């Protein structure tokens, strides 16, 4: 079975998310998983986070993106 890559139907949404000032400062953003699913799809979002070298965490109904490429350590 071949998986088709979901191409963003709304590239402005992606630009808006990753164009936020906090992203440029290496901060943290979060998005509801349902919004990601509706706007671009999970696979496309994950690929965009990976392409940028950021870190993605899934917590309950939210995605948390650590917008820097440095090492992270989960404490607890």
PDB file of N, CA and C in Angstrom:
ATOM      1  N   UNK A   1       0.833  -1.182   0.000  1.00  0.00           N
ATOM      2  CA  UNK A   1       0.000   0.000   0.000  1.00  0.00           C
ATOM      3  C   UNK A   1       0.875   1.242   0.000  1.00  0.00           C
ATOM      4  N   UNK A   2       0.674   2.136  -0.921  1.00  0.00           N
ATOM      5  CA  UNK A   2       1.462   3.356  -1.039  1.00  0.00           C
ATOM      6  C   UNK A   2       0.739   4.511  -0.362  1.00  0.00           C
ATOM      7  N   UNK A   3       1.480   5.269   0.442  1.00  0.00           N
ATOM      8  CA  UNK A   3       0.899   6.439   1.083  1.00  0.00           C
ATOM      9  C   UNK A   3       1.131   7.662   0.212  1.00  0.00           C
ATOM     10  N   UNK A   4       0.103   8.440   0.027  1.00  0.00           N
ATOM     11  CA  UNK A   4       0.216   9.672  -0.730  1.00  0.00           C
ATOM     12  C   UNK A   4       0.491  10.807   0.232  1.00  0.00           C
ATOM     13  N   UNK A   5       1.464  11.610  -0.079  1.00  0.00           N
ATOM     14  CA  UNK A   5       1.802  12.759   0.747  1.00  0.00           C
ATOM     15  C   UNK A   5       0.727  13.820   0.575  1.00  0.00           C
ATOM     16  N   UNK A   6       0.190  14.282   1.693  1.00  0.00           N
ATOM     17  CA  UNK A   6      -0.854  15.296   1.678  1.00  0.00           C
ATOM     18  C   UNK A   6      -0.210  16.664   1.443  1.00  0.00           C
ATOM     19  N   UNK A   7      -0.444  17.255   0.316  1.00  0.00           N
ATOM     20  CA  UNK A   7       0.111  18.564  -0.004  1.00  0.00           C
ATOM     21  C   UNK A   7      -0.750  19.640   0.639  1.00  0.00           C
ATOM     22  N   UNK A   8      -0.127  20.630   1.274  1.00  0.00           N
ATOM     23  CA  UNK A   8      -0.922  21.667   1.913  1.00  0.00           C
ATOM     24  C   UNK A   8      -1.860  22.359   0.929  1.00  0.00           C
ATOM     25  N   UNK A   9      -3.147  22.352   1.263  1.00  0.00           N
ATOM     26  CA  UNK A   9      -4.122  23.061   0.452  1.00  0.00           C
ATOM     27  C   UNK A   9      -4.123  24.543   0.795  1.00  0.00           C
ATOM     28  N   UNK A  10      -3.618  24.853   1.965  1.00  0.00           N
ATOM     29  CA  UNK A  10      -3.590  26.227   2.439  1.00  0.00           C
ATOM     30  C   UNK A  10      -2.165  26.582   2.855  1.00  0.00           C
ATOM     31  N   UNK A  11      -1.274  26.836   1.894  1.00  0.00           N
ATOM     32  CA  UNK A  11       0.116  27.136   2.263  1.00  0.00           C
ATOM     33  C   UNK A  11       0.230  28.389   3.127  1.00  0.00           C
ATOM     34  N   UNK A  12      -0.747  29.283   3.035  1.00  0.00           N
ATOM     35  CA  UNK A  12      -0.712  30.479   3.890  1.00  0.00           C
ATOM     36  C   UNK A  12      -0.795  30.107   5.358  1.00  0.00           C
ATOM     37  N   UNK A  13      -1.540  29.060   5.667  1.00  0.00           N
ATOM     38  CA  UNK A  13      -1.655  28.612   7.060  1.00  0.00           C
ATOM     39  C   UNK A  13      -0.277  28.219   7.577  1.00  0.00           C
ATOM     40  N   UNK A  14       0.453  27.447   6.793  1.00  0.00           N
ATOM     41  CA  UNK A  14       1.799  27.020   7.183  1.00  0.00           C
ATOM     42  C   UNK A  14       2.718  28.222   7.328  1.00  0.00           C
ATOM     43  N   UNK A  15       2.652  29.141   6.381  1.00  0.00           N
ATOM     44  CA  UNK A  15       3.472  30.352   6.445  1.00  0.00           C
ATOM     45  C   UNK A  15       3.142  31.170   7.681  1.00  0.00           C
ATOM     46  N   UNK A  16       1.862  31.240   8.012  1.00  0.00           N
ATOM     47  CA  UNK A  16       1.435  32.005   9.176  1.00  0.00           C
ATOM     48  C   UNK A  16       1.943  31.359  10.467  1.00  0.00           C
ATOM     49  N   UNK A  17       1.815  30.041  10.562  1.00  0.00           N
ATOM     50  CA  UNK A  17       2.259  29.338  11.766  1.00  0.00           C
ATOM     51  C   UNK A  17       3.759  29.507  11.966  1.00  0.00           C
ATOM     52  N   UNK A  18       4.534  29.223  10.934  1.00  0.00           N
ATOM     53  CA  UNK A  18       5.985  29.256  11.079  1.00  0.00           C
ATOM     54  C   UNK A  18       6.578  30.641  10.830  1.00  0.00           C
ATOM     55  N   UNK A  19       5.745  31.600  10.506  1.00  0.00           N
ATOM     56  CA  UNK A  19       6.196  32.977  10.333  1.00  0.00           C
ATOM     57  C   UNK A  19       6.002  33.831  11.574  1.00  0.00           C
ATOM     58  N   UNK A  20       5.479  33.236  12.641  1.00  0.00           N
ATOM     59  CA  UNK A  20       5.244  33.973  13.888  1.00  0.00           C
ATOM     60  C   UNK A  20       6.565  34.454  14.486  1.00  0.00           C
ATOM     61  N   UNK A  21       6.522  35.597  15.151  1.00  0.00           N
ATOM     62  CA  UNK A  21       7.729  36.175  15.765  1.00  0.00           C
ATOM     63  C   UNK A  21       8.381  35.222  16.750  1.00  0.00           C
ATOM     64  N   UNK A  22       7.564  34.492  17.497  1.00  0.00           N
ATOM     65  CA  UNK A  22       8.112  33.573  18.492  1.00  0.00           C
ATOM     66  C   UNK A  22       8.928  32.460  17.842  1.00  0.00           C
ATOM     67  N   UNK A  23       8.558  32.055  16.643  1.00  0.00           N
ATOM     68  CA  UNK A  23       9.311  31.024  15.928  1.00  0.00           C
ATOM     69  C   UNK A  23      10.711  31.545  15.598  1.00  0.00           C
ATOM     70  N   UNK A  24      10.785  32.768  15.122  1.00  0.00           N
ATOM     71  CA  UNK A  24      12.080  33.369  14.777  1.00  0.00           C
ATOM     72  C   UNK A  24      12.981  33.504  16.000  1.00  0.00           C
ATOM     73  N   UNK A  25      12.387  33.598  17.183  1.00  0.00           N
ATOM     74  CA  UNK A  25      13.158  33.726  18.420  1.00  0.00           C
ATOM     75  C   UNK A  25      13.531  32.372  19.021  1.00  0.00           C
ATOM     76  N   UNK A  26      13.110  31.281  18.353  1.00  0.00           N
ATOM     77  CA  UNK A  26      13.418  29.945  18.862  1.00  0.00           C
ATOM     78  C   UNK A  26      12.481  29.507  19.967  1.00  0.00           C
ATOM     79  N   UNK A  27      11.290  30.067  20.004  1.00  0.00           N
ATOM     80  CA  UNK A  27      10.321  29.767  21.047  1.00  0.00           C
ATOM     81  C   UNK A  27       9.505  28.513  20.788  1.00  0.00           C
ATOM     82  N   UNK A  28       8.361  28.460  21.433  1.00  0.00           N
ATOM     83  CA  UNK A  28       7.481  27.301  21.384  1.00  0.00           C
ATOM     84  C   UNK A  28       6.110  27.733  20.870  1.00  0.00           C
ATOM     85  N   UNK A  29       5.558  26.927  19.956  1.00  0.00           N
ATOM     86  CA  UNK A  29       4.197  27.162  19.488  1.00  0.00           C
ATOM     87  C   UNK A  29       3.390  25.900  19.717  1.00  0.00           C
ATOM     88  N   UNK A  30       2.084  26.052  19.785  1.00  0.00           N
ATOM     89  CA  UNK A  30       1.229  24.875  19.900  1.00  0.00           C
ATOM     90  C   UNK A  30       0.032  25.051  18.990  1.00  0.00           C
ATOM     91  N   UNK A  31      -0.452  23.932  18.500  1.00  0.00           N
ATOM     92  CA  UNK A  31      -1.611  23.923  17.621  1.00  0.00           C
ATOM     93  C   UNK A  31      -2.476  22.715  17.962  1.00  0.00           C
ATOM     94  N   UNK A  32      -3.781  22.878  17.902  1.00  0.00           N
ATOM     95  CA  UNK A  32      -4.696  21.769  18.123  1.00  0.00           C
ATOM     96  C   UNK A  32      -4.524  20.757  16.990  1.00  0.00           C
ATOM     97  N   UNK A  33      -4.473  19.496  17.341  1.00  0.00           N
ATOM     98  CA  UNK A  33      -4.308  18.443  16.340  1.00  0.00           C
ATOM     99  C   UNK A  33      -5.442  18.486  15.327  1.00  0.00           C
ATOM    100  N   UNK A  34      -6.653  18.757  15.779  1.00  0.00           N
ATOM    101  CA  UNK A  34      -7.792  18.817  14.848  1.00  0.00           C
ATOM    102  C   UNK A  34      -7.609  19.929  13.824  1.00  0.00           C
ATOM    103  N   UNK A  35      -6.997  21.048  14.223  1.00  0.00           N
ATOM    104  CA  UNK A  35      -6.743  22.150  13.286  1.00  0.00           C
ATOM    105  C   UNK A  35      -5.685  21.760  12.261  1.00  0.00           C
ATOM    106  N   UNK A  36      -4.646  21.090  12.720  1.00  0.00           N
ATOM    107  CA  UNK A  36      -3.603  20.617  11.804  1.00  0.00           C
ATOM    108  C   UNK A  36      -4.205  19.637  10.807  1.00  0.00           C
ATOM    109  N   UNK A  37      -5.019  18.706  11.312  1.00  0.00           N
ATOM    110  CA  UNK A  37      -5.674  17.732  10.427  1.00  0.00           C
ATOM    111  C   UNK A  37      -6.517  18.440   9.369  1.00  0.00           C
ATOM    112  N   UNK A  38      -7.257  19.445   9.776  1.00  0.00           N
ATOM    113  CA  UNK A  38      -8.147  20.165   8.865  1.00  0.00           C
ATOM    114  C   UNK A  38      -7.378  21.012   7.849  1.00  0.00           C
ATOM    115  N   UNK A  39      -6.322  21.647   8.293  1.00  0.00           N
ATOM    116  CA  UNK A  39      -5.612  22.603   7.438  1.00  0.00           C
ATOM    117  C   UNK A  39      -4.623  21.953   6.474  1.00  0.00           C
ATOM    118  N   UNK A  40      -3.738  21.090   6.979  1.00  0.00           N
ATOM    119  CA  UNK A  40      -2.711  20.515   6.092  1.00  0.00           C
ATOM    120  C   UNK A  40      -2.494  19.017   6.258  1.00  0.00           C
ATOM    121  N   UNK A  41      -2.976  18.444   7.349  1.00  0.00           N
ATOM    122  CA  UNK A  41      -2.765  17.026   7.605  1.00  0.00           C
ATOM    123  C   UNK A  41      -1.547  16.780   8.477  1.00  0.00           C
ATOM    124  N   UNK A  42      -1.612  15.723   9.242  1.00  0.00           N
ATOM    125  CA  UNK A  42      -0.537  15.413  10.201  1.00  0.00           C
ATOM    126  C   UNK A  42       0.799  15.152   9.530  1.00  0.00           C
ATOM    127  N   UNK A  43       0.776  14.367   8.457  1.00  0.00           N
ATOM    128  CA  UNK A  43       2.032  14.009   7.797  1.00  0.00           C
ATOM    129  C   UNK A  43       2.735  15.250   7.240  1.00  0.00           C
ATOM    130  N   UNK A  44       1.984  16.119   6.603  1.00  0.00           N
ATOM    131  CA  UNK A  44       2.566  17.333   6.037  1.00  0.00           C
ATOM    132  C   UNK A  44       3.121  18.236   7.145  1.00  0.00           C
ATOM    133  N   UNK A  45       2.399  18.320   8.274  1.00  0.00           N
ATOM    134  CA  UNK A  45       2.862  19.137   9.394  1.00  0.00           C
ATOM    135  C   UNK A  45       4.151  18.565   9.967  1.00  0.00           C
ATOM    136  N   UNK A  46       4.180  17.256  10.177  1.00  0.00           N
ATOM    137  CA  UNK A  46       5.380  16.618  10.700  1.00  0.00           C
ATOM    138  C   UNK A  46       6.569  16.828   9.756  1.00  0.00           C
ATOM    139  N   UNK A  47       6.343  16.679   8.471  1.00  0.00           N
ATOM    140  CA  UNK A  47       7.423  16.886   7.506  1.00  0.00           C
ATOM    141  C   UNK A  47       7.930  18.318   7.528  1.00  0.00           C
ATOM    142  N   UNK A  48       7.028  19.280   7.697  1.00  0.00           N
ATOM    143  CA  UNK A  48       7.442  20.685   7.761  1.00  0.00           C
ATOM    144  C   UNK A  48       8.273  20.950   9.006  1.00  0.00           C
ATOM    145  N   UNK A  49       7.872  20.371  10.131  1.00  0.00           N
ATOM    146  CA  UNK A  49       8.647  20.521  11.370  1.00  0.00           C
ATOM    147  C   UNK A  49      10.029  19.889  11.193  1.00  0.00           C
ATOM    148  N   UNK A  50      10.080  18.689  10.624  1.00  0.00           N
ATOM    149  CA  UNK A  50      11.369  18.011  10.381  1.00  0.00           C
ATOM    150  C   UNK A  50      12.255  18.802   9.423  1.00  0.00           C
ATOM    151  N   UNK A  51      11.651  19.335   8.364  1.00  0.00           N
ATOM    152  CA  UNK A  51      12.403  20.100   7.369  1.00  0.00           C
ATOM    153  C   UNK A  51      13.122  21.280   8.023  1.00  0.00           C
ATOM    154  N   UNK A  52      12.481  21.858   8.999  1.00  0.00           N
ATOM    155  CA  UNK A  52      13.062  23.008   9.694  1.00  0.00           C
ATOM    156  C   UNK A  52      14.027  22.599  10.804  1.00  0.00           C
ATOM    157  N   UNK A  53      14.070  21.304  11.133  1.00  0.00           N
ATOM    158  CA  UNK A  53      14.969  20.830  12.189  1.00  0.00           C
ATOM    159  C   UNK A  53      14.427  21.070  13.588  1.00  0.00           C
ATOM    160  N   UNK A  54      13.115  21.350  13.710  1.00  0.00           N
ATOM    161  CA  UNK A  54      12.491  21.611  14.999  1.00  0.00           C
ATOM    162  C   UNK A  54      12.080  20.292  15.657  1.00  0.00           C
ATOM    163  N   UNK A  55      11.517  20.405  16.839  1.00  0.00           N
ATOM    164  CA  UNK A  55      11.094  19.243  17.612  1.00  0.00           C
ATOM    165  C   UNK A  55       9.574  19.290  17.793  1.00  0.00           C
ATOM    166  N   UNK A  56       8.905  18.139  17.628  1.00  0.00           N
ATOM    167  CA  UNK A  56       7.453  18.065  17.712  1.00  0.00           C
ATOM    168  C   UNK A  56       7.046  17.106  18.822  1.00  0.00           C
ATOM    169  N   UNK A  57       6.153  17.577  19.679  1.00  0.00           N
ATOM    170  CA  UNK A  57       5.633  16.779  20.779  1.00  0.00           C
ATOM    171  C   UNK A  57       4.115  16.723  20.631  1.00  0.00           C
ATOM    172  N   UNK A  58       3.546  15.549  20.834  1.00  0.00           N
ATOM    173  CA  UNK A  58       2.088  15.409  20.843  1.00  0.00           C
ATOM    174  C   UNK A  58       1.656  15.207  22.284  1.00  0.00           C
ATOM    175  N   UNK A  59       0.734  16.038  22.742  1.00  0.00           N
ATOM    176  CA  UNK A  59       0.226  15.943  24.106  1.00  0.00           C
ATOM    177  C   UNK A  59      -1.284  16.077  24.086  1.00  0.00           C
ATOM    178  N   UNK A  60      -1.976  14.976  24.311  1.00  0.00           N
ATOM    179  CA  UNK A  60      -3.428  14.926  24.315  1.00  0.00           C
ATOM    180  C   UNK A  60      -3.985  15.446  22.996  1.00  0.00           C
ATOM    181  N   UNK A  61      -4.529  16.636  22.966  1.00  0.00           N
ATOM    182  CA  UNK A  61      -5.146  17.172  21.741  1.00  0.00           C
ATOM    183  C   UNK A  61      -4.302  18.260  21.094  1.00  0.00           C
ATOM    184  N   UNK A  62      -3.065  18.416  21.543  1.00  0.00           N
ATOM    185  CA  UNK A  62      -2.211  19.505  21.061  1.00  0.00           C
ATOM    186  C   UNK A  62      -0.899  18.989  20.480  1.00  0.00           C
ATOM    187  N   UNK A  63      -0.408  19.714  19.500  1.00  0.00           N
ATOM    188  CA  UNK A  63       0.976  19.567  19.052  1.00  0.00           C
ATOM    189  C   UNK A  63       1.753  20.730  19.649  1.00  0.00           C
ATOM    190  N   UNK A  64       2.916  20.431  20.155  1.00  0.00           N
ATOM    191  CA  UNK A  64       3.811  21.439  20.695  1.00  0.00           C
ATOM    192  C   UNK A  64       5.070  21.390  19.844  1.00  0.00           C
ATOM    193  N   UNK A  65       5.442  22.531  19.288  1.00  0.00           N
ATOM    194  CA  UNK A  65       6.622  22.602  18.438  1.00  0.00           C
ATOM    195  C   UNK A  65       7.661  23.462  19.133  1.00  0.00           C
ATOM    196  N   UNK A  66       8.828  22.893  19.371  1.00  0.00           N
ATOM    197  CA  UNK A  66       9.953  23.632  19.925  1.00  0.00           C
ATOM    198  C   UNK A  66      10.748  24.129  18.725  1.00  0.00           C
ATOM    199  N   UNK A  67      10.722  25.419  18.526  1.00  0.00           N
ATOM    200  CA  UNK A  67      11.219  26.021  17.289  1.00  0.00           C
ATOM    201  C   UNK A  67      12.695  26.383  17.360  1.00  0.00           C
ATOM    202  N   UNK A  68      13.513  25.407  17.693  1.00  0.00           N
ATOM    203  CA  UNK A  68      14.954  25.571  17.573  1.00  0.00           C
ATOM    204  C   UNK A  68      15.548  24.221  17.250  1.00  0.00           C
ATOM    205  N   UNK A  69      16.746  24.238  16.768  1.00  0.00           N
ATOM    206  CA  UNK A  69      17.377  22.997  16.312  1.00  0.00           C
ATOM    207  C   UNK A  69      18.331  22.401  17.345  1.00  0.00           C
ATOM    208  N   UNK A  70      18.384  23.020  18.511  1.00  0.00           N
ATOM    209  CA  UNK A  70      19.275  22.537  19.558  1.00  0.00           C
ATOM    210  C   UNK A  70      18.790  21.257  20.200  1.00  0.00           C
ATOM    211  N   UNK A  71      19.645  20.681  21.003  1.00  0.00           N
ATOM    212  CA  UNK A  71      19.356  19.446  21.729  1.00  0.00           C
ATOM    213  C   UNK A  71      18.263  19.715  22.768  1.00  0.00           C
ATOM    214  N   UNK A  72      17.362  18.767  22.952  1.00  0.00           N
ATOM    215  CA  UNK A  72      16.371  18.870  24.015  1.00  0.00           C
ATOM    216  C   UNK A  72      16.480  17.640  24.903  1.00  0.00           C
ATOM    217  N   UNK A  73      16.040  17.791  26.132  1.00  0.00           N
ATOM    218  CA  UNK A  73      16.047  16.684  27.090  1.00  0.00           C
ATOM    219  C   UNK A  73      14.731  16.734  27.847  1.00  0.00           C
ATOM    220  N   UNK A  74      13.972  15.668  27.798  1.00  0.00           N
ATOM    221  CA  UNK A  74      12.711  15.579  28.517  1.00  0.00           C
ATOM    222  C   UNK A  74      13.033  15.212  29.971  1.00  0.00           C
ATOM    223  N   UNK A  75      12.667  16.086  30.889  1.00  0.00           N
ATOM    224  CA  UNK A  75      13.002  15.885  32.297  1.00  0.00           C
ATOM    225  C   UNK A  75      12.025  14.919  32.965  1.00  0.00           C
ATOM    226  N   UNK A  76      10.752  15.111  32.796  1.00  0.00           N
ATOM    227  CA  UNK A  76       9.754  14.195  33.375  1.00  0.00           C
ATOM    228  C   UNK A  76       8.442  14.310  32.656  1.00  0.00           C
TER     229      UNK A  76
END
